[in-house]
Amino acid sequence: RGGAALSVASVTGRPIIFASTGEGLDDLEAFHPDRMASRILDL
């Protein structure tokens, strides 16, 4: 359900730097808070 992603940065005060989006070695993205928020809101 993704609650970890929306909780960790806020609770610890430490930034999310990377997001792993699959099993392949190329499935790694730099984490952009604004882009992730847009995806969550279907924008």
PDB file of all heavy atoms in Angstrom:
ATOM      1  N   ARG A   1       0.796  -1.222   0.000  1.00  0.00           N
ATOM      2  CA  ARG A   1       0.000   0.000   0.000  1.00  0.00           C
ATOM      3  C   ARG A   1       0.833   1.278   0.000  1.00  0.00           C
ATOM      4  O   ARG A   1       0.311   2.353  -0.183  1.00  0.00           O
ATOM      5  CB  ARG A   1      -0.963  -0.025   1.194  1.00  0.00           C
ATOM      6  CG  ARG A   1      -2.059  -1.053   0.999  1.00  0.00           C
ATOM      7  CD  ARG A   1      -2.919  -1.226   2.215  1.00  0.00           C
ATOM      8  NE  ARG A   1      -2.244  -1.978   3.262  1.00  0.00           N
ATOM      9  CZ  ARG A   1      -2.827  -2.340   4.396  1.00  0.00           C
ATOM     10  NH1 ARG A   1      -4.073  -2.015   4.634  1.00  0.00           N
ATOM     11  NH2 ARG A   1      -2.159  -3.025   5.304  1.00  0.00           N
ATOM     12  N   GLY A   2       2.149   1.166   0.248  1.00  0.00           N
ATOM     13  CA  GLY A   2       3.034   2.315   0.048  1.00  0.00           C
ATOM     14  C   GLY A   2       3.178   3.274   1.206  1.00  0.00           C
ATOM     15  O   GLY A   2       3.768   4.334   1.057  1.00  0.00           O
ATOM     16  N   GLY A   3       2.623   2.920   2.377  1.00  0.00           N
ATOM     17  CA  GLY A   3       2.698   3.843   3.509  1.00  0.00           C
ATOM     18  C   GLY A   3       4.115   4.157   3.952  1.00  0.00           C
ATOM     19  O   GLY A   3       4.398   5.258   4.435  1.00  0.00           O
ATOM     20  N   ALA A   4       5.028   3.180   3.771  1.00  0.00           N
ATOM     21  CA  ALA A   4       6.415   3.391   4.178  1.00  0.00           C
ATOM     22  C   ALA A   4       7.020   4.594   3.470  1.00  0.00           C
ATOM     23  O   ALA A   4       7.686   5.437   4.083  1.00  0.00           O
ATOM     24  CB  ALA A   4       7.245   2.140   3.888  1.00  0.00           C
ATOM     25  N   ALA A   5       6.773   4.692   2.177  1.00  0.00           N
ATOM     26  CA  ALA A   5       7.349   5.779   1.379  1.00  0.00           C
ATOM     27  C   ALA A   5       6.864   7.134   1.852  1.00  0.00           C
ATOM     28  O   ALA A   5       7.615   8.113   1.851  1.00  0.00           O
ATOM     29  CB  ALA A   5       6.983   5.592  -0.090  1.00  0.00           C
ATOM     30  N   LEU A   6       5.594   7.187   2.277  1.00  0.00           N
ATOM     31  CA  LEU A   6       5.024   8.469   2.690  1.00  0.00           C
ATOM     32  C   LEU A   6       5.318   8.781   4.154  1.00  0.00           C
ATOM     33  O   LEU A   6       4.989   9.864   4.617  1.00  0.00           O
ATOM     34  CB  LEU A   6       3.503   8.454   2.473  1.00  0.00           C
ATOM     35  CG  LEU A   6       3.047   8.296   1.020  1.00  0.00           C
ATOM     36  CD1 LEU A   6       1.542   8.188   0.950  1.00  0.00           C
ATOM     37  CD2 LEU A   6       3.519   9.462   0.182  1.00  0.00           C
ATOM     38  N   SER A   7       5.912   7.837   4.875  1.00  0.00           N
ATOM     39  CA  SER A   7       6.162   8.043   6.302  1.00  0.00           C
ATOM     40  C   SER A   7       7.620   8.279   6.640  1.00  0.00           C
ATOM     41  O   SER A   7       7.942   9.139   7.468  1.00  0.00           O
ATOM     42  CB  SER A   7       5.657   6.824   7.096  1.00  0.00           C
ATOM     43  OG  SER A   7       4.316   6.548   6.828  1.00  0.00           O
ATOM     44  N   VAL A   8       8.516   7.505   6.014  1.00  0.00           N
ATOM     45  CA  VAL A   8       9.919   7.483   6.438  1.00  0.00           C
ATOM     46  C   VAL A   8      10.587   8.854   6.364  1.00  0.00           C
ATOM     47  O   VAL A   8      11.213   9.304   7.324  1.00  0.00           O
ATOM     48  CB  VAL A   8      10.720   6.455   5.610  1.00  0.00           C
ATOM     49  CG1 VAL A   8      12.204   6.584   5.875  1.00  0.00           C
ATOM     50  CG2 VAL A   8      10.248   5.059   5.943  1.00  0.00           C
ATOM     51  N   ALA A   9      10.458   9.526   5.214  1.00  0.00           N
ATOM     52  CA  ALA A   9      11.130  10.820   5.047  1.00  0.00           C
ATOM     53  C   ALA A   9      10.621  11.839   6.061  1.00  0.00           C
ATOM     54  O   ALA A   9      11.398  12.610   6.635  1.00  0.00           O
ATOM     55  CB  ALA A   9      10.921  11.344   3.631  1.00  0.00           C
ATOM     56  N   SER A  10       9.322  11.834   6.304  1.00  0.00           N
ATOM     57  CA  SER A  10       8.730  12.802   7.222  1.00  0.00           C
ATOM     58  C   SER A  10       9.124  12.515   8.673  1.00  0.00           C
ATOM     59  O   SER A  10       9.445  13.432   9.425  1.00  0.00           O
ATOM     60  CB  SER A  10       7.199  12.775   7.079  1.00  0.00           C
ATOM     61  OG  SER A  10       6.593  13.724   7.906  1.00  0.00           O
ATOM     62  N   VAL A  11       9.118  11.246   9.071  1.00  0.00           N
ATOM     63  CA  VAL A  11       9.395  10.878  10.460  1.00  0.00           C
ATOM     64  C   VAL A  11      10.878  11.030  10.801  1.00  0.00           C
ATOM     65  O   VAL A  11      11.232  11.520  11.880  1.00  0.00           O
ATOM     66  CB  VAL A  11       8.917   9.434  10.736  1.00  0.00           C
ATOM     67  CG1 VAL A  11       9.413   8.942  12.089  1.00  0.00           C
ATOM     68  CG2 VAL A  11       7.400   9.366  10.683  1.00  0.00           C
ATOM     69  N   THR A  12      11.766  10.609   9.899  1.00  0.00           N
ATOM     70  CA  THR A  12      13.206  10.631  10.196  1.00  0.00           C
ATOM     71  C   THR A  12      13.880  11.951   9.821  1.00  0.00           C
ATOM     72  O   THR A  12      14.960  12.253  10.318  1.00  0.00           O
ATOM     73  CB  THR A  12      13.930   9.502   9.439  1.00  0.00           C
ATOM     74  OG1 THR A  12      13.815   9.733   8.026  1.00  0.00           O
ATOM     75  CG2 THR A  12      13.326   8.151   9.779  1.00  0.00           C
ATOM     76  N   GLY A  13      13.249  12.701   8.921  1.00  0.00           N
ATOM     77  CA  GLY A  13      13.891  13.932   8.472  1.00  0.00           C
ATOM     78  C   GLY A  13      15.023  13.685   7.499  1.00  0.00           C
ATOM     79  O   GLY A  13      15.779  14.593   7.161  1.00  0.00           O
ATOM     80  N   ARG A  14      15.145  12.432   7.019  1.00  0.00           N
ATOM     81  CA  ARG A  14      16.195  12.086   6.052  1.00  0.00           C
ATOM     82  C   ARG A  14      15.566  11.928   4.669  1.00  0.00           C
ATOM     83  O   ARG A  14      14.495  11.340   4.538  1.00  0.00           O
ATOM     84  CB  ARG A  14      16.900  10.789   6.450  1.00  0.00           C
ATOM     85  CG  ARG A  14      17.633  10.866   7.783  1.00  0.00           C
ATOM     86  CD  ARG A  14      18.836  11.799   7.708  1.00  0.00           C
ATOM     87  NE  ARG A  14      19.613  11.778   8.926  1.00  0.00           N
ATOM     88  CZ  ARG A  14      19.473  12.614   9.948  1.00  0.00           C
ATOM     89  NH1 ARG A  14      18.530  13.559   9.877  1.00  0.00           N
ATOM     90  NH2 ARG A  14      20.225  12.539  11.019  1.00  0.00           N
ATOM     91  N   PRO A  15      16.229  12.410   3.629  1.00  0.00           N
ATOM     92  CA  PRO A  15      15.627  12.374   2.280  1.00  0.00           C
ATOM     93  C   PRO A  15      15.669  10.991   1.649  1.00  0.00           C
ATOM     94  O   PRO A  15      16.575  10.198   1.922  1.00  0.00           O
ATOM     95  CB  PRO A  15      16.505  13.349   1.489  1.00  0.00           C
ATOM     96  CG  PRO A  15      17.845  13.264   2.168  1.00  0.00           C
ATOM     97  CD  PRO A  15      17.557  13.060   3.631  1.00  0.00           C
ATOM     98  N   ILE A  16      14.674  10.716   0.806  1.00  0.00           N
ATOM     99  CA  ILE A  16      14.697   9.505  -0.022  1.00  0.00           C
ATOM    100  C   ILE A  16      15.516   9.839  -1.261  1.00  0.00           C
ATOM    101  O   ILE A  16      15.225  10.802  -1.966  1.00  0.00           O
ATOM    102  CB  ILE A  16      13.271   9.078  -0.423  1.00  0.00           C
ATOM    103  CG1 ILE A  16      12.414   8.843   0.822  1.00  0.00           C
ATOM    104  CG2 ILE A  16      13.310   7.809  -1.275  1.00  0.00           C
ATOM    105  CD1 ILE A  16      10.938   8.622   0.526  1.00  0.00           C
ATOM    106  N   ILE A  17      16.565   9.063  -1.520  1.00  0.00           N
ATOM    107  CA  ILE A  17      17.481   9.373  -2.624  1.00  0.00           C
ATOM    108  C   ILE A  17      17.223   8.501  -3.849  1.00  0.00           C
ATOM    109  O   ILE A  17      17.298   8.966  -4.985  1.00  0.00           O
ATOM    110  CB  ILE A  17      18.945   9.226  -2.161  1.00  0.00           C
ATOM    111  CG1 ILE A  17      19.216  10.184  -0.988  1.00  0.00           C
ATOM    112  CG2 ILE A  17      19.918   9.539  -3.302  1.00  0.00           C
ATOM    113  CD1 ILE A  17      20.622  10.113  -0.444  1.00  0.00           C
ATOM    114  N   PHE A  18      16.902   7.215  -3.619  1.00  0.00           N
ATOM    115  CA  PHE A  18      16.662   6.304  -4.741  1.00  0.00           C
ATOM    116  C   PHE A  18      15.380   5.512  -4.518  1.00  0.00           C
ATOM    117  O   PHE A  18      14.962   5.283  -3.376  1.00  0.00           O
ATOM    118  CB  PHE A  18      17.828   5.318  -4.917  1.00  0.00           C
ATOM    119  CG  PHE A  18      19.110   5.948  -5.356  1.00  0.00           C
ATOM    120  CD1 PHE A  18      20.163   6.109  -4.472  1.00  0.00           C
ATOM    121  CD2 PHE A  18      19.265   6.378  -6.667  1.00  0.00           C
ATOM    122  CE1 PHE A  18      21.356   6.689  -4.873  1.00  0.00           C
ATOM    123  CE2 PHE A  18      20.457   6.966  -7.079  1.00  0.00           C
ATOM    124  CZ  PHE A  18      21.497   7.123  -6.185  1.00  0.00           C
ATOM    125  N   ALA A  19      14.788   5.079  -5.622  1.00  0.00           N
ATOM    126  CA  ALA A  19      13.620   4.196  -5.584  1.00  0.00           C
ATOM    127  C   ALA A  19      13.869   3.031  -6.531  1.00  0.00           C
ATOM    128  O   ALA A  19      14.195   3.238  -7.705  1.00  0.00           O
ATOM    129  CB  ALA A  19      12.357   4.947  -5.996  1.00  0.00           C
ATOM    130  N   SER A  20      13.747   1.817  -6.016  1.00  0.00           N
ATOM    131  CA  SER A  20      13.944   0.616  -6.827  1.00  0.00           C
ATOM    132  C   SER A  20      12.584   0.167  -7.340  1.00  0.00           C
ATOM    133  O   SER A  20      11.666  -0.083  -6.558  1.00  0.00           O
ATOM    134  CB  SER A  20      14.579  -0.481  -5.971  1.00  0.00           C
ATOM    135  OG  SER A  20      14.752  -1.650  -6.715  1.00  0.00           O
ATOM    136  N   THR A  21      12.436   0.084  -8.666  1.00  0.00           N
ATOM    137  CA  THR A  21      11.115  -0.129  -9.269  1.00  0.00           C
ATOM    138  C   THR A  21      10.986  -1.465 -10.001  1.00  0.00           C
ATOM    139  O   THR A  21      10.055  -1.642 -10.782  1.00  0.00           O
ATOM    140  CB  THR A  21      10.813   1.007 -10.259  1.00  0.00           C
ATOM    141  OG1 THR A  21      11.857   1.050 -11.246  1.00  0.00           O
ATOM    142  CG2 THR A  21      10.752   2.353  -9.555  1.00  0.00           C
ATOM    143  N   GLY A  22      11.887  -2.403  -9.765  1.00  0.00           N
ATOM    144  CA  GLY A  22      11.787  -3.697 -10.446  1.00  0.00           C
ATOM    145  C   GLY A  22      12.958  -4.588 -10.067  1.00  0.00           C
ATOM    146  O   GLY A  22      13.835  -4.197  -9.280  1.00  0.00           O
ATOM    147  N   GLU A  23      12.981  -5.781 -10.625  1.00  0.00           N
ATOM    148  CA  GLU A  23      14.020  -6.751 -10.287  1.00  0.00           C
ATOM    149  C   GLU A  23      15.273  -6.597 -11.147  1.00  0.00           C
ATOM    150  O   GLU A  23      16.342  -7.052 -10.761  1.00  0.00           O
ATOM    151  CB  GLU A  23      13.467  -8.175 -10.436  1.00  0.00           C
ATOM    152  CG  GLU A  23      12.338  -8.486  -9.468  1.00  0.00           C
ATOM    153  CD  GLU A  23      11.805  -9.903  -9.615  1.00  0.00           C
ATOM    154  OE1 GLU A  23      12.376 -10.642 -10.453  1.00  0.00           O
ATOM    155  OE2 GLU A  23      10.848 -10.253  -8.926  1.00  0.00           O
ATOM    156  N   GLY A  24      15.158  -5.985 -12.312  1.00  0.00           N
ATOM    157  CA  GLY A  24      16.317  -5.820 -13.195  1.00  0.00           C
ATOM    158  C   GLY A  24      17.306  -4.802 -12.648  1.00  0.00           C
ATOM    159  O   GLY A  24      16.939  -3.907 -11.874  1.00  0.00           O
ATOM    160  N   LEU A  25      18.562  -4.928 -13.054  1.00  0.00           N
ATOM    161  CA  LEU A  25      19.593  -4.017 -12.554  1.00  0.00           C
ATOM    162  C   LEU A  25      19.434  -2.593 -13.088  1.00  0.00           C
ATOM    163  O   LEU A  25      20.058  -1.665 -12.580  1.00  0.00           O
ATOM    164  CB  LEU A  25      20.989  -4.551 -12.915  1.00  0.00           C
ATOM    165  CG  LEU A  25      21.434  -5.817 -12.166  1.00  0.00           C
ATOM    166  CD1 LEU A  25      22.840  -6.207 -12.576  1.00  0.00           C
ATOM    167  CD2 LEU A  25      21.372  -5.623 -10.656  1.00  0.00           C
ATOM    168  N   ASP A  26      18.599  -2.424 -14.115  1.00  0.00           N
ATOM    169  CA  ASP A  26      18.352  -1.079 -14.636  1.00  0.00           C
ATOM    170  C   ASP A  26      17.142  -0.421 -13.975  1.00  0.00           C
ATOM    171  O   ASP A  26      16.852   0.748 -14.229  1.00  0.00           O
ATOM    172  CB  ASP A  26      18.122  -1.123 -16.160  1.00  0.00           C
ATOM    173  CG  ASP A  26      19.392  -1.485 -16.911  1.00  0.00           C
ATOM    174  OD1 ASP A  26      20.444  -0.900 -16.587  1.00  0.00           O
ATOM    175  OD2 ASP A  26      19.336  -2.338 -17.803  1.00  0.00           O
ATOM    176  N   ASP A  27      16.433  -1.178 -13.137  1.00  0.00           N
ATOM    177  CA  ASP A  27      15.197  -0.669 -12.527  1.00  0.00           C
ATOM    178  C   ASP A  27      15.496   0.117 -11.254  1.00  0.00           C
ATOM    179  O   ASP A  27      15.085  -0.246 -10.141  1.00  0.00           O
ATOM    180  CB  ASP A  27      14.238  -1.822 -12.217  1.00  0.00           C
ATOM    181  CG  ASP A  27      13.761  -2.522 -13.475  1.00  0.00           C
ATOM    182  OD1 ASP A  27      13.642  -1.836 -14.505  1.00  0.00           O
ATOM    183  OD2 ASP A  27      13.520  -3.734 -13.428  1.00  0.00           O
ATOM    184  N   LEU A  28      16.229   1.208 -11.423  1.00  0.00           N
ATOM    185  CA  LEU A  28      16.555   2.088 -10.297  1.00  0.00           C
ATOM    186  C   LEU A  28      16.408   3.528 -10.763  1.00  0.00           C
ATOM    187  O   LEU A  28      16.912   3.906 -11.809  1.00  0.00           O
ATOM    188  CB  LEU A  28      17.997   1.838  -9.819  1.00  0.00           C
ATOM    189  CG  LEU A  28      18.454   2.653  -8.599  1.00  0.00           C
ATOM    190  CD1 LEU A  28      17.678   2.236  -7.355  1.00  0.00           C
ATOM    191  CD2 LEU A  28      19.955   2.500  -8.364  1.00  0.00           C
ATOM    192  N   GLU A  29      15.686   4.313  -9.983  1.00  0.00           N
ATOM    193  CA  GLU A  29      15.444   5.713 -10.340  1.00  0.00           C
ATOM    194  C   GLU A  29      15.916   6.628  -9.220  1.00  0.00           C
ATOM    195  O   GLU A  29      15.803   6.285  -8.044  1.00  0.00           O
ATOM    196  CB  GLU A  29      13.937   5.968 -10.550  1.00  0.00           C
ATOM    197  CG  GLU A  29      13.309   5.211 -11.681  1.00  0.00           C
ATOM    198  CD  GLU A  29      11.806   5.464 -11.761  1.00  0.00           C
ATOM    199  OE1 GLU A  29      11.304   6.302 -10.965  1.00  0.00           O
ATOM    200  OE2 GLU A  29      11.132   4.843 -12.593  1.00  0.00           O
ATOM    201  N   ALA A  30      16.427   7.787  -9.605  1.00  0.00           N
ATOM    202  CA  ALA A  30      16.650   8.842  -8.623  1.00  0.00           C
ATOM    203  C   ALA A  30      15.277   9.294  -8.134  1.00  0.00           C
ATOM    204  O   ALA A  30      14.337   9.407  -8.923  1.00  0.00           O
ATOM    205  CB  ALA A  30      17.403  10.009  -9.251  1.00  0.00           C
ATOM    206  N   PHE A  31      15.118   9.493  -6.845  1.00  0.00           N
ATOM    207  CA  PHE A  31      13.804   9.814  -6.280  1.00  0.00           C
ATOM    208  C   PHE A  31      13.541  11.314  -6.373  1.00  0.00           C
ATOM    209  O   PHE A  31      14.304  12.131  -5.878  1.00  0.00           O
ATOM    210  CB  PHE A  31      13.732   9.368  -4.815  1.00  0.00           C
ATOM    211  CG  PHE A  31      12.362   9.482  -4.215  1.00  0.00           C
ATOM    212  CD1 PHE A  31      11.432   8.474  -4.382  1.00  0.00           C
ATOM    213  CD2 PHE A  31      11.997  10.599  -3.484  1.00  0.00           C
ATOM    214  CE1 PHE A  31      10.161   8.568  -3.829  1.00  0.00           C
ATOM    215  CE2 PHE A  31      10.733  10.712  -2.934  1.00  0.00           C
ATOM    216  CZ  PHE A  31       9.805   9.694  -3.101  1.00  0.00           C
ATOM    217  N   HIS A  32      12.432  11.655  -7.050  1.00  0.00           N
ATOM    218  CA  HIS A  32      11.994  13.050  -7.156  1.00  0.00           C
ATOM    219  C   HIS A  32      10.671  13.185  -6.406  1.00  0.00           C
ATOM    220  O   HIS A  32       9.640  12.662  -6.869  1.00  0.00           O
ATOM    221  CB  HIS A  32      11.786  13.452  -8.620  1.00  0.00           C
ATOM    222  CG  HIS A  32      13.024  13.370  -9.454  1.00  0.00           C
ATOM    223  ND1 HIS A  32      13.827  14.461  -9.704  1.00  0.00           N
ATOM    224  CD2 HIS A  32      13.606  12.321 -10.099  1.00  0.00           C
ATOM    225  CE1 HIS A  32      14.841  14.091 -10.470  1.00  0.00           C
ATOM    226  NE2 HIS A  32      14.735  12.805 -10.723  1.00  0.00           N
ATOM    227  N   PRO A  33      10.636  13.864  -5.267  1.00  0.00           N
ATOM    228  CA  PRO A  33       9.383  13.989  -4.501  1.00  0.00           C
ATOM    229  C   PRO A  33       8.224  14.561  -5.317  1.00  0.00           C
ATOM    230  O   PRO A  33       7.099  14.085  -5.218  1.00  0.00           O
ATOM    231  CB  PRO A  33       9.772  14.936  -3.353  1.00  0.00           C
ATOM    232  CG  PRO A  33      11.232  14.738  -3.177  1.00  0.00           C
ATOM    233  CD  PRO A  33      11.763  14.499  -4.559  1.00  0.00           C
ATOM    234  N   ASP A  34       8.514  15.572  -6.153  1.00  0.00           N
ATOM    235  CA  ASP A  34       7.431  16.194  -6.928  1.00  0.00           C
ATOM    236  C   ASP A  34       6.869  15.221  -7.968  1.00  0.00           C
ATOM    237  O   ASP A  34       5.658  15.155  -8.186  1.00  0.00           O
ATOM    238  CB  ASP A  34       7.922  17.478  -7.591  1.00  0.00           C
ATOM    239  CG  ASP A  34       9.181  17.284  -8.418  1.00  0.00           C
ATOM    240  OD1 ASP A  34       9.897  16.282  -8.205  1.00  0.00           O
ATOM    241  OD2 ASP A  34       9.462  18.142  -9.279  1.00  0.00           O
ATOM    242  N   ARG A  35       7.735  14.429  -8.596  1.00  0.00           N
ATOM    243  CA  ARG A  35       7.268  13.480  -9.607  1.00  0.00           C
ATOM    244  C   ARG A  35       6.489  12.329  -8.959  1.00  0.00           C
ATOM    245  O   ARG A  35       5.504  11.857  -9.522  1.00  0.00           O
ATOM    246  CB  ARG A  35       8.449  12.935 -10.411  1.00  0.00           C
ATOM    247  CG  ARG A  35       9.237  14.015 -11.133  1.00  0.00           C
ATOM    248  CD  ARG A  35      10.341  13.403 -11.977  1.00  0.00           C
ATOM    249  NE  ARG A  35      11.272  14.419 -12.468  1.00  0.00           N
ATOM    250  CZ  ARG A  35      12.313  14.165 -13.227  1.00  0.00           C
ATOM    251  NH1 ARG A  35      12.577  12.922 -13.596  1.00  0.00           N
ATOM    252  NH2 ARG A  35      13.119  15.142 -13.613  1.00  0.00           N
ATOM    253  N   MET A  36       6.953  11.879  -7.795  1.00  0.00           N
ATOM    254  CA  MET A  36       6.246  10.802  -7.106  1.00  0.00           C
ATOM    255  C   MET A  36       4.863  11.264  -6.672  1.00  0.00           C
ATOM    256  O   MET A  36       3.884  10.525  -6.795  1.00  0.00           O
ATOM    257  CB  MET A  36       7.057  10.335  -5.886  1.00  0.00           C
ATOM    258  CG  MET A  36       6.448   9.145  -5.167  1.00  0.00           C
ATOM    259  SD  MET A  36       6.278   7.681  -6.220  1.00  0.00           S
ATOM    260  CE  MET A  36       7.992   7.223  -6.429  1.00  0.00           C
ATOM    261  N   ALA A  37       4.762  12.500  -6.181  1.00  0.00           N
ATOM    262  CA  ALA A  37       3.461  13.046  -5.786  1.00  0.00           C
ATOM    263  C   ALA A  37       2.531  13.112  -6.987  1.00  0.00           C
ATOM    264  O   ALA A  37       1.337  12.791  -6.887  1.00  0.00           O
ATOM    265  CB  ALA A  37       3.635  14.434  -5.167  1.00  0.00           C
ATOM    266  N   SER A  38       3.062  13.506  -8.147  1.00  0.00           N
ATOM    267  CA  SER A  38       2.244  13.575  -9.364  1.00  0.00           C
ATOM    268  C   SER A  38       1.744  12.196  -9.767  1.00  0.00           C
ATOM    269  O   SER A  38       0.605  12.039 -10.205  1.00  0.00           O
ATOM    270  CB  SER A  38       3.056  14.186 -10.514  1.00  0.00           C
ATOM    271  OG  SER A  38       3.313  15.541 -10.277  1.00  0.00           O
ATOM    272  N   ARG A  39       2.586  11.173  -9.618  1.00  0.00           N
ATOM    273  CA  ARG A  39       2.161   9.813  -9.959  1.00  0.00           C
ATOM    274  C   ARG A  39       1.044   9.350  -9.023  1.00  0.00           C
ATOM    275  O   ARG A  39       0.080   8.725  -9.463  1.00  0.00           O
ATOM    276  CB  ARG A  39       3.345   8.843  -9.840  1.00  0.00           C
ATOM    277  CG  ARG A  39       4.383   8.998 -10.931  1.00  0.00           C
ATOM    278  CD  ARG A  39       5.260   7.755 -10.970  1.00  0.00           C
ATOM    279  NE  ARG A  39       6.605   8.085 -11.430  1.00  0.00           N
ATOM    280  CZ  ARG A  39       7.572   7.187 -11.602  1.00  0.00           C
ATOM    281  NH1 ARG A  39       7.343   5.932 -11.325  1.00  0.00           N
ATOM    282  NH2 ARG A  39       8.763   7.542 -12.025  1.00  0.00           N
ATOM    283  N   ILE A  40       1.189   9.653  -7.732  1.00  0.00           N
ATOM    284  CA  ILE A  40       0.179   9.233  -6.756  1.00  0.00           C
ATOM    285  C   ILE A  40      -1.169   9.874  -7.073  1.00  0.00           C
ATOM    286  O   ILE A  40      -2.220   9.245  -6.950  1.00  0.00           O
ATOM    287  CB  ILE A  40       0.627   9.593  -5.324  1.00  0.00           C
ATOM    288  CG1 ILE A  40       1.847   8.754  -4.929  1.00  0.00           C
ATOM    289  CG2 ILE A  40      -0.502   9.367  -4.317  1.00  0.00           C
ATOM    290  CD1 ILE A  40       2.497   9.179  -3.625  1.00  0.00           C
ATOM    291  N   LEU A  41      -1.151  11.131  -7.508  1.00  0.00           N
ATOM    292  CA  LEU A  41      -2.394  11.848  -7.811  1.00  0.00           C
ATOM    293  C   LEU A  41      -2.841  11.652  -9.253  1.00  0.00           C
ATOM    294  O   LEU A  41      -3.736  12.352  -9.728  1.00  0.00           O
ATOM    295  CB  LEU A  41      -2.213  13.347  -7.515  1.00  0.00           C
ATOM    296  CG  LEU A  41      -1.956  13.697  -6.049  1.00  0.00           C
ATOM    297  CD1 LEU A  41      -1.741  15.188  -5.891  1.00  0.00           C
ATOM    298  CD2 LEU A  41      -3.100  13.236  -5.176  1.00  0.00           C
ATOM    299  N   ASP A  42      -2.196  10.717  -9.971  1.00  0.00           N
ATOM    300  CA  ASP A  42      -2.555  10.396 -11.366  1.00  0.00           C
ATOM    301  C   ASP A  42      -2.399  11.611 -12.279  1.00  0.00           C
ATOM    302  O   ASP A  42      -3.169  11.810 -13.207  1.00  0.00           O
ATOM    303  CB  ASP A  42      -3.989   9.846 -11.443  1.00  0.00           C
ATOM    304  CG  ASP A  42      -4.255   9.139 -12.777  1.00  0.00           C
ATOM    305  OD1 ASP A  42      -3.282   8.690 -13.407  1.00  0.00           O
ATOM    306  OD2 ASP A  42      -5.426   9.060 -13.181  1.00  0.00           O
ATOM    307  N   LEU A  43      -1.382  12.439 -11.974  1.00  0.00           N
ATOM    308  CA  LEU A  43      -1.102  13.602 -12.815  1.00  0.00           C
ATOM    309  C   LEU A  43       0.020  13.306 -13.809  1.00  0.00           C
ATOM    310  O   LEU A  43       0.439  14.186 -14.557  1.00  0.00           O
ATOM    311  CB  LEU A  43      -0.724  14.813 -11.949  1.00  0.00           C
ATOM    312  CG  LEU A  43      -1.779  15.253 -10.920  1.00  0.00           C
ATOM    313  CD1 LEU A  43      -1.247  16.394 -10.061  1.00  0.00           C
ATOM    314  CD2 LEU A  43      -3.059  15.674 -11.620  1.00  0.00           C
TER     315      LEU A  43
END
